[in-house]
Amino acid sequence: INEIGLITENLNRESIVRVQTPQFFTFKNLLISYNEADLTSSDDSTIYTAAGFNCSVTFTTEENKKITYLDDIPSAKEQIEEYVRSRDKGRESAQAVRRFRELTALKGETE
């Protein structure tokens, strides 16, 4: 897209991926990259690859939300609350299984 908003080129979509943060880098190599960088670069991976280092892609879900703006906080809060509900449900289930095993073991001892 050019400076007035016109599409001037179409990219091959077969090789395009959507990137989420956080990204992982070898710190030593990232530091070298920034020391050599043109700081007009838009992100760490651009700086890292421009310095000759390789970045890899890991396919995942988008459930791990990044908090960048104040408006992102309610979404993150909902995600945390859902995690806590799910965790608590799992704990309750595990506790019920343990109790069932205890009771069946006691029943076996009395027979």
PDB file of N, CA and C in Angstrom:
ATOM      1  N   ILE A   1       0.864  -1.171   0.000  1.00  0.00           N
ATOM      2  CA  ILE A   1       0.000   0.000   0.000  1.00  0.00           C
ATOM      3  C   ILE A   1       0.903   1.224   0.000  1.00  0.00           C
ATOM      4  N   ASN A   2       0.617   2.133  -0.908  1.00  0.00           N
ATOM      5  CA  ASN A   2       1.476   3.324  -1.000  1.00  0.00           C
ATOM      6  C   ASN A   2       1.004   4.420  -0.041  1.00  0.00           C
ATOM      7  N   GLU A   3       1.666   5.577  -0.126  1.00  0.00           N
ATOM      8  CA  GLU A   3       1.411   6.672   0.816  1.00  0.00           C
ATOM      9  C   GLU A   3       0.005   7.253   0.725  1.00  0.00           C
ATOM     10  N   ILE A   4      -0.703   7.014  -0.381  1.00  0.00           N
ATOM     11  CA  ILE A   4      -2.077   7.532  -0.480  1.00  0.00           C
ATOM     12  C   ILE A   4      -3.121   6.424  -0.347  1.00  0.00           C
ATOM     13  N   GLY A   5      -2.668   5.229   0.106  1.00  0.00           N
ATOM     14  CA  GLY A   5      -3.594   4.148   0.404  1.00  0.00           C
ATOM     15  C   GLY A   5      -3.964   3.250  -0.749  1.00  0.00           C
ATOM     16  N   LEU A   6      -3.229   3.301  -1.848  1.00  0.00           N
ATOM     17  CA  LEU A   6      -3.517   2.428  -2.984  1.00  0.00           C
ATOM     18  C   LEU A   6      -2.680   1.155  -2.906  1.00  0.00           C
ATOM     19  N   ILE A   7      -3.301   0.041  -3.270  1.00  0.00           N
ATOM     20  CA  ILE A   7      -2.570  -1.223  -3.307  1.00  0.00           C
ATOM     21  C   ILE A   7      -1.694  -1.211  -4.547  1.00  0.00           C
ATOM     22  N   THR A   8      -0.397  -1.368  -4.347  1.00  0.00           N
ATOM     23  CA  THR A   8       0.545  -1.328  -5.468  1.00  0.00           C
ATOM     24  C   THR A   8       1.162  -2.684  -5.747  1.00  0.00           C
ATOM     25  N   GLU A   9       0.944  -3.648  -4.860  1.00  0.00           N
ATOM     26  CA  GLU A   9       1.541  -4.968  -5.016  1.00  0.00           C
ATOM     27  C   GLU A   9       0.719  -5.969  -4.222  1.00  0.00           C
ATOM     28  N   ASN A  10       0.603  -7.181  -4.737  1.00  0.00           N
ATOM     29  CA  ASN A  10      -0.063  -8.257  -4.014  1.00  0.00           C
ATOM     30  C   ASN A  10       0.973  -9.301  -3.635  1.00  0.00           C
ATOM     31  N   LEU A  11       0.924  -9.747  -2.397  1.00  0.00           N
ATOM     32  CA  LEU A  11       1.880 -10.728  -1.907  1.00  0.00           C
ATOM     33  C   LEU A  11       1.346 -12.136  -2.094  1.00  0.00           C
ATOM     34  N   ASN A  12       2.262 -13.090  -2.218  1.00  0.00           N
ATOM     35  CA  ASN A  12       1.897 -14.496  -2.289  1.00  0.00           C
ATOM     36  C   ASN A  12       1.430 -14.932  -0.899  1.00  0.00           C
ATOM     37  N   ARG A  13       0.175 -15.236  -0.745  1.00  0.00           N
ATOM     38  CA  ARG A  13      -0.394 -15.560   0.567  1.00  0.00           C
ATOM     39  C   ARG A  13       0.051 -16.914   1.104  1.00  0.00           C
ATOM     40  N   GLU A  14       0.614 -17.750   0.252  1.00  0.00           N
ATOM     41  CA  GLU A  14       1.078 -19.060   0.703  1.00  0.00           C
ATOM     42  C   GLU A  14       2.187 -18.946   1.746  1.00  0.00           C
ATOM     43  N   SER A  15       2.940 -17.868   1.708  1.00  0.00           N
ATOM     44  CA  SER A  15       4.084 -17.744   2.615  1.00  0.00           C
ATOM     45  C   SER A  15       3.876 -16.677   3.692  1.00  0.00           C
ATOM     46  N   ILE A  16       2.660 -16.183   3.842  1.00  0.00           N
ATOM     47  CA  ILE A  16       2.380 -15.149   4.837  1.00  0.00           C
ATOM     48  C   ILE A  16       1.854 -15.807   6.109  1.00  0.00           C
ATOM     49  N   VAL A  17       2.387 -15.383   7.245  1.00  0.00           N
ATOM     50  CA  VAL A  17       1.888 -15.843   8.540  1.00  0.00           C
ATOM     51  C   VAL A  17       1.573 -14.630   9.397  1.00  0.00           C
ATOM     52  N   ARG A  18       0.683 -14.809  10.329  1.00  0.00           N
ATOM     53  CA  ARG A  18       0.351 -13.754  11.278  1.00  0.00           C
ATOM     54  C   ARG A  18       1.213 -13.963  12.516  1.00  0.00           C
ATOM     55  N   VAL A  19       1.849 -12.923  12.978  1.00  0.00           N
ATOM     56  CA  VAL A  19       2.799 -13.045  14.079  1.00  0.00           C
ATOM     57  C   VAL A  19       2.211 -12.437  15.342  1.00  0.00           C
ATOM     58  N   GLN A  20       2.410 -13.140  16.440  1.00  0.00           N
ATOM     59  CA  GLN A  20       1.987 -12.653  17.745  1.00  0.00           C
ATOM     60  C   GLN A  20       3.218 -12.437  18.613  1.00  0.00           C
ATOM     61  N   THR A  21       3.106 -11.590  19.581  1.00  0.00           N
ATOM     62  CA  THR A  21       4.155 -11.467  20.575  1.00  0.00           C
ATOM     63  C   THR A  21       3.686 -12.200  21.823  1.00  0.00           C
ATOM     64  N   PRO A  22       4.516 -12.645  22.715  1.00  0.00           N
ATOM     65  CA  PRO A  22       5.947 -12.404  22.671  1.00  0.00           C
ATOM     66  C   PRO A  22       6.637 -13.312  21.667  1.00  0.00           C
ATOM     67  N   GLN A  23       7.739 -12.844  21.167  1.00  0.00           N
ATOM     68  CA  GLN A  23       8.592 -13.639  20.301  1.00  0.00           C
ATOM     69  C   GLN A  23       9.806 -14.041  21.123  1.00  0.00           C
ATOM     70  N   PHE A  24      10.445 -15.122  20.759  1.00  0.00           N
ATOM     71  CA  PHE A  24      11.598 -15.606  21.518  1.00  0.00           C
ATOM     72  C   PHE A  24      12.856 -15.480  20.684  1.00  0.00           C
ATOM     73  N   PHE A  25      13.906 -15.002  21.308  1.00  0.00           N
ATOM     74  CA  PHE A  25      15.187 -14.815  20.644  1.00  0.00           C
ATOM     75  C   PHE A  25      16.299 -15.223  21.598  1.00  0.00           C
ATOM     76  N   THR A  26      17.441 -15.599  21.028  1.00  0.00           N
ATOM     77  CA  THR A  26      18.643 -15.762  21.832  1.00  0.00           C
ATOM     78  C   THR A  26      19.085 -14.357  22.205  1.00  0.00           C
ATOM     79  N   PHE A  27      19.143 -14.072  23.506  1.00  0.00           N
ATOM     80  CA  PHE A  27      19.385 -12.701  23.950  1.00  0.00           C
ATOM     81  C   PHE A  27      20.674 -12.135  23.375  1.00  0.00           C
ATOM     82  N   LYS A  28      21.740 -12.928  23.404  1.00  0.00           N
ATOM     83  CA  LYS A  28      23.032 -12.461  22.889  1.00  0.00           C
ATOM     84  C   LYS A  28      22.895 -12.023  21.428  1.00  0.00           C
ATOM     85  N   ASN A  29      22.205 -12.826  20.621  1.00  0.00           N
ATOM     86  CA  ASN A  29      22.024 -12.493  19.203  1.00  0.00           C
ATOM     87  C   ASN A  29      21.105 -11.290  19.015  1.00  0.00           C
ATOM     88  N   LEU A  30      20.090 -11.167  19.858  1.00  0.00           N
ATOM     89  CA  LEU A  30      19.197 -10.011  19.766  1.00  0.00           C
ATOM     90  C   LEU A  30      19.948  -8.729  20.115  1.00  0.00           C
ATOM     91  N   LEU A  31      20.794  -8.799  21.121  1.00  0.00           N
ATOM     92  CA  LEU A  31      21.603  -7.642  21.500  1.00  0.00           C
ATOM     93  C   LEU A  31      22.544  -7.241  20.363  1.00  0.00           C
ATOM     94  N   ILE A  32      23.190  -8.227  19.749  1.00  0.00           N
ATOM     95  CA  ILE A  32      24.042  -7.959  18.584  1.00  0.00           C
ATOM     96  C   ILE A  32      23.214  -7.309  17.486  1.00  0.00           C
ATOM     97  N   SER A  33      22.018  -7.834  17.254  1.00  0.00           N
ATOM     98  CA  SER A  33      21.139  -7.310  16.201  1.00  0.00           C
ATOM     99  C   SER A  33      20.812  -5.847  16.432  1.00  0.00           C
ATOM    100  N   TYR A  34      20.455  -5.505  17.661  1.00  0.00           N
ATOM    101  CA  TYR A  34      20.113  -4.111  17.961  1.00  0.00           C
ATOM    102  C   TYR A  34      21.322  -3.190  17.866  1.00  0.00           C
ATOM    103  N   ASN A  35      22.481  -3.698  18.216  1.00  0.00           N
ATOM    104  CA  ASN A  35      23.690  -2.880  18.107  1.00  0.00           C
ATOM    105  C   ASN A  35      24.032  -2.571  16.654  1.00  0.00           C
ATOM    106  N   GLU A  36      23.624  -3.465  15.737  1.00  0.00           N
ATOM    107  CA  GLU A  36      23.905  -3.276  14.315  1.00  0.00           C
ATOM    108  C   GLU A  36      22.725  -2.679  13.558  1.00  0.00           C
ATOM    109  N   ALA A  37      21.611  -2.451  14.226  1.00  0.00           N
ATOM    110  CA  ALA A  37      20.345  -2.173  13.550  1.00  0.00           C
ATOM    111  C   ALA A  37      20.175  -0.740  13.086  1.00  0.00           C
ATOM    112  N   ASP A  38      19.371  -0.663  12.025  1.00  0.00           N
ATOM    113  CA  ASP A  38      18.770   0.602  11.616  1.00  0.00           C
ATOM    114  C   ASP A  38      17.490   0.671  12.442  1.00  0.00           C
ATOM    115  N   LEU A  39      17.435   1.528  13.428  1.00  0.00           N
ATOM    116  CA  LEU A  39      16.322   1.514  14.377  1.00  0.00           C
ATOM    117  C   LEU A  39      15.009   2.030  13.812  1.00  0.00           C
ATOM    118  N   THR A  40      14.929   2.181  12.503  1.00  0.00           N
ATOM    119  CA  THR A  40      13.644   2.493  11.895  1.00  0.00           C
ATOM    120  C   THR A  40      12.872   1.208  11.617  1.00  0.00           C
ATOM    121  N   SER A  41      13.458   0.060  11.930  1.00  0.00           N
ATOM    122  CA  SER A  41      12.784  -1.219  11.727  1.00  0.00           C
ATOM    123  C   SER A  41      11.559  -1.294  12.623  1.00  0.00           C
ATOM    124  N   SER A  42      10.576  -2.057  12.184  1.00  0.00           N
ATOM    125  CA  SER A  42       9.291  -2.068  12.873  1.00  0.00           C
ATOM    126  C   SER A  42       9.186  -3.056  14.029  1.00  0.00           C
ATOM    127  N   ASP A  43      10.031  -4.062  14.065  1.00  0.00           N
ATOM    128  CA  ASP A  43       9.895  -5.050  15.132  1.00  0.00           C
ATOM    129  C   ASP A  43      11.189  -5.831  15.321  1.00  0.00           C
ATOM    130  N   ASP A  44      11.229  -6.605  16.412  1.00  0.00           N
ATOM    131  CA  ASP A  44      12.427  -7.371  16.752  1.00  0.00           C
ATOM    132  C   ASP A  44      12.820  -8.365  15.667  1.00  0.00           C
ATOM    133  N   SER A  45      11.840  -9.068  15.092  1.00  0.00           N
ATOM    134  CA  SER A  45      12.195 -10.091  14.103  1.00  0.00           C
ATOM    135  C   SER A  45      12.816  -9.479  12.852  1.00  0.00           C
ATOM    136  N   THR A  46      12.382  -8.296  12.458  1.00  0.00           N
ATOM    137  CA  THR A  46      12.986  -7.615  11.310  1.00  0.00           C
ATOM    138  C   THR A  46      14.437  -7.273  11.613  1.00  0.00           C
ATOM    139  N   ILE A  47      14.676  -6.753  12.791  1.00  0.00           N
ATOM    140  CA  ILE A  47      16.035  -6.395  13.209  1.00  0.00           C
ATOM    141  C   ILE A  47      16.900  -7.649  13.312  1.00  0.00           C
ATOM    142  N   TYR A  48      16.349  -8.717  13.866  1.00  0.00           N
ATOM    143  CA  TYR A  48      17.070  -9.976  14.071  1.00  0.00           C
ATOM    144  C   TYR A  48      17.483 -10.602  12.742  1.00  0.00           C
ATOM    145  N   THR A  49      16.543 -10.684  11.807  1.00  0.00           N
ATOM    146  CA  THR A  49      16.867 -11.291  10.513  1.00  0.00           C
ATOM    147  C   THR A  49      17.777 -10.401   9.677  1.00  0.00           C
ATOM    148  N   ALA A  50      17.651  -9.089   9.812  1.00  0.00           N
ATOM    149  CA  ALA A  50      18.537  -8.173   9.081  1.00  0.00           C
ATOM    150  C   ALA A  50      19.984  -8.345   9.532  1.00  0.00           C
ATOM    151  N   ALA A  51      20.179  -8.785  10.769  1.00  0.00           N
ATOM    152  CA  ALA A  51      21.529  -9.017  11.287  1.00  0.00           C
ATOM    153  C   ALA A  51      22.053 -10.401  10.901  1.00  0.00           C
ATOM    154  N   GLY A  52      21.238 -11.171  10.171  1.00  0.00           N
ATOM    155  CA  GLY A  52      21.688 -12.472   9.686  1.00  0.00           C
ATOM    156  C   GLY A  52      21.274 -13.656  10.529  1.00  0.00           C
ATOM    157  N   PHE A  53      20.445 -13.436  11.540  1.00  0.00           N
ATOM    158  CA  PHE A  53      19.983 -14.537  12.383  1.00  0.00           C
ATOM    159  C   PHE A  53      18.651 -15.058  11.851  1.00  0.00           C
ATOM    160  N   ASN A  54      18.356 -16.317  12.166  1.00  0.00           N
ATOM    161  CA  ASN A  54      17.121 -16.937  11.699  1.00  0.00           C
ATOM    162  C   ASN A  54      16.042 -16.884  12.767  1.00  0.00           C
ATOM    163  N   CYS A  55      14.822 -16.619  12.334  1.00  0.00           N
ATOM    164  CA  CYS A  55      13.639 -16.693  13.195  1.00  0.00           C
ATOM    165  C   CYS A  55      12.807 -17.865  12.708  1.00  0.00           C
ATOM    166  N   SER A  56      12.183 -18.567  13.620  1.00  0.00           N
ATOM    167  CA  SER A  56      11.309 -19.660  13.213  1.00  0.00           C
ATOM    168  C   SER A  56       9.878 -19.343  13.617  1.00  0.00           C
ATOM    169  N   VAL A  57       8.954 -20.079  13.039  1.00  0.00           N
ATOM    170  CA  VAL A  57       7.529 -19.879  13.284  1.00  0.00           C
ATOM    171  C   VAL A  57       7.010 -21.061  14.090  1.00  0.00           C
ATOM    172  N   THR A  58       6.215 -20.779  15.109  1.00  0.00           N
ATOM    173  CA  THR A  58       5.531 -21.801  15.879  1.00  0.00           C
ATOM    174  C   THR A  58       4.040 -21.566  15.717  1.00  0.00           C
ATOM    175  N   PHE A  59       3.334 -22.567  15.263  1.00  0.00           N
ATOM    176  CA  PHE A  59       1.900 -22.415  15.059  1.00  0.00           C
ATOM    177  C   PHE A  59       1.179 -22.660  16.376  1.00  0.00           C
ATOM    178  N   THR A  60       0.256 -21.773  16.704  1.00  0.00           N
ATOM    179  CA  THR A  60      -0.437 -21.832  17.987  1.00  0.00           C
ATOM    180  C   THR A  60      -1.814 -21.197  17.841  1.00  0.00           C
ATOM    181  N   THR A  61      -2.476 -20.971  18.956  1.00  0.00           N
ATOM    182  CA  THR A  61      -3.775 -20.303  18.938  1.00  0.00           C
ATOM    183  C   THR A  61      -3.584 -18.828  19.278  1.00  0.00           C
ATOM    184  N   GLU A  62      -4.645 -18.087  19.153  1.00  0.00           N
ATOM    185  CA  GLU A  62      -4.602 -16.663  19.489  1.00  0.00           C
ATOM    186  C   GLU A  62      -5.167 -16.395  20.878  1.00  0.00           C
ATOM    187  N   GLU A  63      -5.306 -17.436  21.695  1.00  0.00           N
ATOM    188  CA  GLU A  63      -5.930 -17.277  23.008  1.00  0.00           C
ATOM    189  C   GLU A  63      -5.071 -16.502  23.995  1.00  0.00           C
ATOM    190  N   ASN A  64      -3.770 -16.501  23.801  1.00  0.00           N
ATOM    191  CA  ASN A  64      -2.883 -15.766  24.706  1.00  0.00           C
ATOM    192  C   ASN A  64      -2.810 -14.322  24.235  1.00  0.00           C
ATOM    193  N   LYS A  65      -3.691 -13.512  24.739  1.00  0.00           N
ATOM    194  CA  LYS A  65      -3.827 -12.127  24.276  1.00  0.00           C
ATOM    195  C   LYS A  65      -2.714 -11.235  24.794  1.00  0.00           C
ATOM    196  N   LYS A  66      -2.266 -10.359  23.939  1.00  0.00           N
ATOM    197  CA  LYS A  66      -1.275  -9.359  24.315  1.00  0.00           C
ATOM    198  C   LYS A  66      -2.024  -8.119  24.805  1.00  0.00           C
ATOM    199  N   ILE A  67      -1.568  -7.548  25.901  1.00  0.00           N
ATOM    200  CA  ILE A  67      -2.173  -6.318  26.401  1.00  0.00           C
ATOM    201  C   ILE A  67      -1.314  -5.162  25.929  1.00  0.00           C
ATOM    202  N   THR A  68      -1.839  -4.417  24.976  1.00  0.00           N
ATOM    203  CA  THR A  68      -1.140  -3.266  24.415  1.00  0.00           C
ATOM    204  C   THR A  68      -1.862  -1.983  24.782  1.00  0.00           C
ATOM    205  N   TYR A  69      -3.173  -2.038  24.713  1.00  0.00           N
ATOM    206  CA  TYR A  69      -3.996  -0.857  24.941  1.00  0.00           C
ATOM    207  C   TYR A  69      -4.901  -1.079  26.148  1.00  0.00           C
ATOM    208  N   LEU A  70      -5.358  -0.005  26.754  1.00  0.00           N
ATOM    209  CA  LEU A  70      -6.245  -0.085  27.906  1.00  0.00           C
ATOM    210  C   LEU A  70      -7.489  -0.917  27.585  1.00  0.00           C
ATOM    211  N   ASP A  71      -7.976  -0.822  26.349  1.00  0.00           N
ATOM    212  CA  ASP A  71      -9.159  -1.584  25.947  1.00  0.00           C
ATOM    213  C   ASP A  71      -8.916  -3.091  25.925  1.00  0.00           C
ATOM    214  N   ASP A  72      -7.658  -3.526  25.936  1.00  0.00           N
ATOM    215  CA  ASP A  72      -7.336  -4.953  25.929  1.00  0.00           C
ATOM    216  C   ASP A  72      -7.540  -5.595  27.299  1.00  0.00           C
ATOM    217  N   ILE A  73      -7.596  -4.793  28.352  1.00  0.00           N
ATOM    218  CA  ILE A  73      -7.661  -5.331  29.710  1.00  0.00           C
ATOM    219  C   ILE A  73      -8.952  -6.108  29.984  1.00  0.00           C
ATOM    220  N   PRO A  74     -10.144  -5.630  29.610  1.00  0.00           N
ATOM    221  CA  PRO A  74     -11.341  -6.445  29.877  1.00  0.00           C
ATOM    222  C   PRO A  74     -11.269  -7.826  29.235  1.00  0.00           C
ATOM    223  N   SER A  75     -10.754  -7.915  28.022  1.00  0.00           N
ATOM    224  CA  SER A  75     -10.622  -9.202  27.350  1.00  0.00           C
ATOM    225  C   SER A  75      -9.665 -10.111  28.115  1.00  0.00           C
ATOM    226  N   ALA A  76      -8.549  -9.563  28.552  1.00  0.00           N
ATOM    227  CA  ALA A  76      -7.576 -10.348  29.317  1.00  0.00           C
ATOM    228  C   ALA A  76      -8.170 -10.775  30.651  1.00  0.00           C
ATOM    229  N   LYS A  77      -8.933  -9.885  31.280  1.00  0.00           N
ATOM    230  CA  LYS A  77      -9.566 -10.215  32.561  1.00  0.00           C
ATOM    231  C   LYS A  77     -10.541 -11.376  32.376  1.00  0.00           C
ATOM    232  N   GLU A  78     -11.329 -11.345  31.300  1.00  0.00           N
ATOM    233  CA  GLU A  78     -12.261 -12.439  31.016  1.00  0.00           C
ATOM    234  C   GLU A  78     -11.505 -13.744  30.788  1.00  0.00           C
ATOM    235  N   GLN A  79     -10.386 -13.669  30.088  1.00  0.00           N
ATOM    236  CA  GLN A  79      -9.584 -14.861  29.822  1.00  0.00           C
ATOM    237  C   GLN A  79      -9.057 -15.453  31.128  1.00  0.00           C
ATOM    238  N   ILE A  80      -8.588 -14.606  32.020  1.00  0.00           N
ATOM    239  CA  ILE A  80      -8.074 -15.074  33.312  1.00  0.00           C
ATOM    240  C   ILE A  80      -9.198 -15.698  34.134  1.00  0.00           C
ATOM    241  N   GLU A  81     -10.363 -15.044  34.151  1.00  0.00           N
ATOM    242  CA  GLU A  81     -11.502 -15.581  34.906  1.00  0.00           C
ATOM    243  C   GLU A  81     -11.924 -16.940  34.362  1.00  0.00           C
ATOM    244  N   GLU A  82     -11.934 -17.102  33.045  1.00  0.00           N
ATOM    245  CA  GLU A  82     -12.281 -18.385  32.430  1.00  0.00           C
ATOM    246  C   GLU A  82     -11.251 -19.449  32.800  1.00  0.00           C
ATOM    247  N   TYR A  83      -9.980 -19.070  32.803  1.00  0.00           N
ATOM    248  CA  TYR A  83      -8.922 -20.006  33.199  1.00  0.00           C
ATOM    249  C   TYR A  83      -9.141 -20.466  34.642  1.00  0.00           C
ATOM    250  N   VAL A  84      -9.434 -19.524  35.537  1.00  0.00           N
ATOM    251  CA  VAL A  84      -9.635 -19.859  36.952  1.00  0.00           C
ATOM    252  C   VAL A  84     -10.831 -20.796  37.103  1.00  0.00           C
ATOM    253  N   ARG A  85     -11.934 -20.517  36.396  1.00  0.00           N
ATOM    254  CA  ARG A  85     -13.112 -21.401  36.454  1.00  0.00           C
ATOM    255  C   ARG A  85     -12.752 -22.803  35.969  1.00  0.00           C
ATOM    256  N   SER A  86     -12.031 -22.880  34.860  1.00  0.00           N
ATOM    257  CA  SER A  86     -11.642 -24.170  34.296  1.00  0.00           C
ATOM    258  C   SER A  86     -10.700 -24.916  35.235  1.00  0.00           C
ATOM    259  N   ARG A  87      -9.741 -24.195  35.805  1.00  0.00           N
ATOM    260  CA  ARG A  87      -8.799 -24.799  36.750  1.00  0.00           C
ATOM    261  C   ARG A  87      -9.535 -25.341  37.966  1.00  0.00           C
ATOM    262  N   ASP A  88     -10.451 -24.543  38.517  1.00  0.00           N
ATOM    263  CA  ASP A  88     -11.195 -24.964  39.702  1.00  0.00           C
ATOM    264  C   ASP A  88     -12.057 -26.183  39.404  1.00  0.00           C
ATOM    265  N   LYS A  89     -12.655 -26.217  38.232  1.00  0.00           N
ATOM    266  CA  LYS A  89     -13.469 -27.363  37.836  1.00  0.00           C
ATOM    267  C   LYS A  89     -12.593 -28.616  37.749  1.00  0.00           C
ATOM    268  N   GLY A  90     -11.405 -28.473  37.189  1.00  0.00           N
ATOM    269  CA  GLY A  90     -10.471 -29.600  37.110  1.00  0.00           C
ATOM    270  C   GLY A  90     -10.052 -30.087  38.486  1.00  0.00           C
ATOM    271  N   ARG A  91      -9.808 -29.153  39.389  1.00  0.00           N
ATOM    272  CA  ARG A  91      -9.433 -29.522  40.762  1.00  0.00           C
ATOM    273  C   ARG A  91     -10.573 -30.255  41.464  1.00  0.00           C
ATOM    274  N   GLU A  92     -11.804 -29.768  41.271  1.00  0.00           N
ATOM    275  CA  GLU A  92     -12.966 -30.422  41.878  1.00  0.00           C
ATOM    276  C   GLU A  92     -13.118 -31.838  41.346  1.00  0.00           C
ATOM    277  N   SER A  93     -12.916 -32.002  40.054  1.00  0.00           N
ATOM    278  CA  SER A  93     -13.023 -33.322  39.441  1.00  0.00           C
ATOM    279  C   SER A  93     -11.957 -34.263  39.989  1.00  0.00           C
ATOM    280  N   ALA A  94     -10.728 -33.775  40.097  1.00  0.00           N
ATOM    281  CA  ALA A  94      -9.640 -34.600  40.637  1.00  0.00           C
ATOM    282  C   ALA A  94      -9.920 -34.978  42.087  1.00  0.00           C
ATOM    283  N   GLN A  95     -10.464 -34.037  42.849  1.00  0.00           N
ATOM    284  CA  GLN A  95     -10.794 -34.306  44.251  1.00  0.00           C
ATOM    285  C   GLN A  95     -11.896 -35.366  44.341  1.00  0.00           C
ATOM    286  N   ALA A  96     -12.880 -35.298  43.463  1.00  0.00           N
ATOM    287  CA  ALA A  96     -13.963 -36.283  43.462  1.00  0.00           C
ATOM    288  C   ALA A  96     -13.423 -37.671  43.119  1.00  0.00           C
ATOM    289  N   VAL A  97     -12.501 -37.744  42.173  1.00  0.00           N
ATOM    290  CA  VAL A  97     -11.899 -39.035  41.815  1.00  0.00           C
ATOM    291  C   VAL A  97     -11.123 -39.605  43.003  1.00  0.00           C
ATOM    292  N   ARG A  98     -10.334 -38.761  43.675  1.00  0.00           N
ATOM    293  CA  ARG A  98      -9.584 -39.224  44.858  1.00  0.00           C
ATOM    294  C   ARG A  98     -10.534 -39.738  45.939  1.00  0.00           C
ATOM    295  N   ARG A  99     -11.600 -38.997  46.187  1.00  0.00           N
ATOM    296  CA  ARG A  99     -12.578 -39.398  47.217  1.00  0.00           C
ATOM    297  C   ARG A  99     -13.249 -40.712  46.837  1.00  0.00           C
ATOM    298  N   PHE A 100     -13.596 -40.873  45.560  1.00  0.00           N
ATOM    299  CA  PHE A 100     -14.207 -42.115  45.085  1.00  0.00           C
ATOM    300  C   PHE A 100     -13.259 -43.286  45.321  1.00  0.00           C
ATOM    301  N   ARG A 101     -11.993 -43.100  45.003  1.00  0.00           N
ATOM    302  CA  ARG A 101     -11.008 -44.171  45.202  1.00  0.00           C
ATOM    303  C   ARG A 101     -10.852 -44.507  46.685  1.00  0.00           C
ATOM    304  N   GLU A 102     -10.862 -43.482  47.528  1.00  0.00           N
ATOM    305  CA  GLU A 102     -10.776 -43.719  48.977  1.00  0.00           C
ATOM    306  C   GLU A 102     -11.968 -44.541  49.458  1.00  0.00           C
ATOM    307  N   LEU A 103     -13.163 -44.154  49.010  1.00  0.00           N
ATOM    308  CA  LEU A 103     -14.376 -44.855  49.448  1.00  0.00           C
ATOM    309  C   LEU A 103     -14.421 -46.281  48.928  1.00  0.00           C
ATOM    310  N   THR A 104     -14.020 -46.492  47.683  1.00  0.00           N
ATOM    311  CA  THR A 104     -14.032 -47.860  47.151  1.00  0.00           C
ATOM    312  C   THR A 104     -12.962 -48.708  47.827  1.00  0.00           C
ATOM    313  N   ALA A 105     -11.846 -48.101  48.226  1.00  0.00           N
ATOM    314  CA  ALA A 105     -10.812 -48.838  48.961  1.00  0.00           C
ATOM    315  C   ALA A 105     -11.330 -49.229  50.337  1.00  0.00           C
ATOM    316  N   LEU A 106     -12.044 -48.319  51.009  1.00  0.00           N
ATOM    317  CA  LEU A 106     -12.629 -48.623  52.321  1.00  0.00           C
ATOM    318  C   LEU A 106     -13.672 -49.719  52.210  1.00  0.00           C
ATOM    319  N   LYS A 107     -14.481 -49.674  51.171  1.00  0.00           N
ATOM    320  CA  LYS A 107     -15.517 -50.684  50.972  1.00  0.00           C
ATOM    321  C   LYS A 107     -14.871 -52.048  50.782  1.00  0.00           C
ATOM    322  N   GLY A 108     -13.775 -52.085  50.041  1.00  0.00           N
ATOM    323  CA  GLY A 108     -13.065 -53.347  49.819  1.00  0.00           C
ATOM    324  C   GLY A 108     -12.484 -53.915  51.103  1.00  0.00           C
ATOM    325  N   GLU A 109     -12.088 -53.046  52.027  1.00  0.00           N
ATOM    326  CA  GLU A 109     -11.524 -53.489  53.306  1.00  0.00           C
ATOM    327  C   GLU A 109     -12.591 -54.064  54.229  1.00  0.00           C
ATOM    328  N   THR A 110     -13.836 -53.594  54.113  1.00  0.00           N
ATOM    329  CA  THR A 110     -14.904 -54.045  55.013  1.00  0.00           C
ATOM    330  C   THR A 110     -15.599 -55.292  54.502  1.00  0.00           C
ATOM    331  N   GLU A 111     -15.341 -55.675  53.302  1.00  0.00           N
ATOM    332  CA  GLU A 111     -16.020 -56.866  52.759  1.00  0.00           C
ATOM    333  C   GLU A 111     -15.296 -58.125  53.114  1.00  0.00           C
TER     334      GLU A 111
END
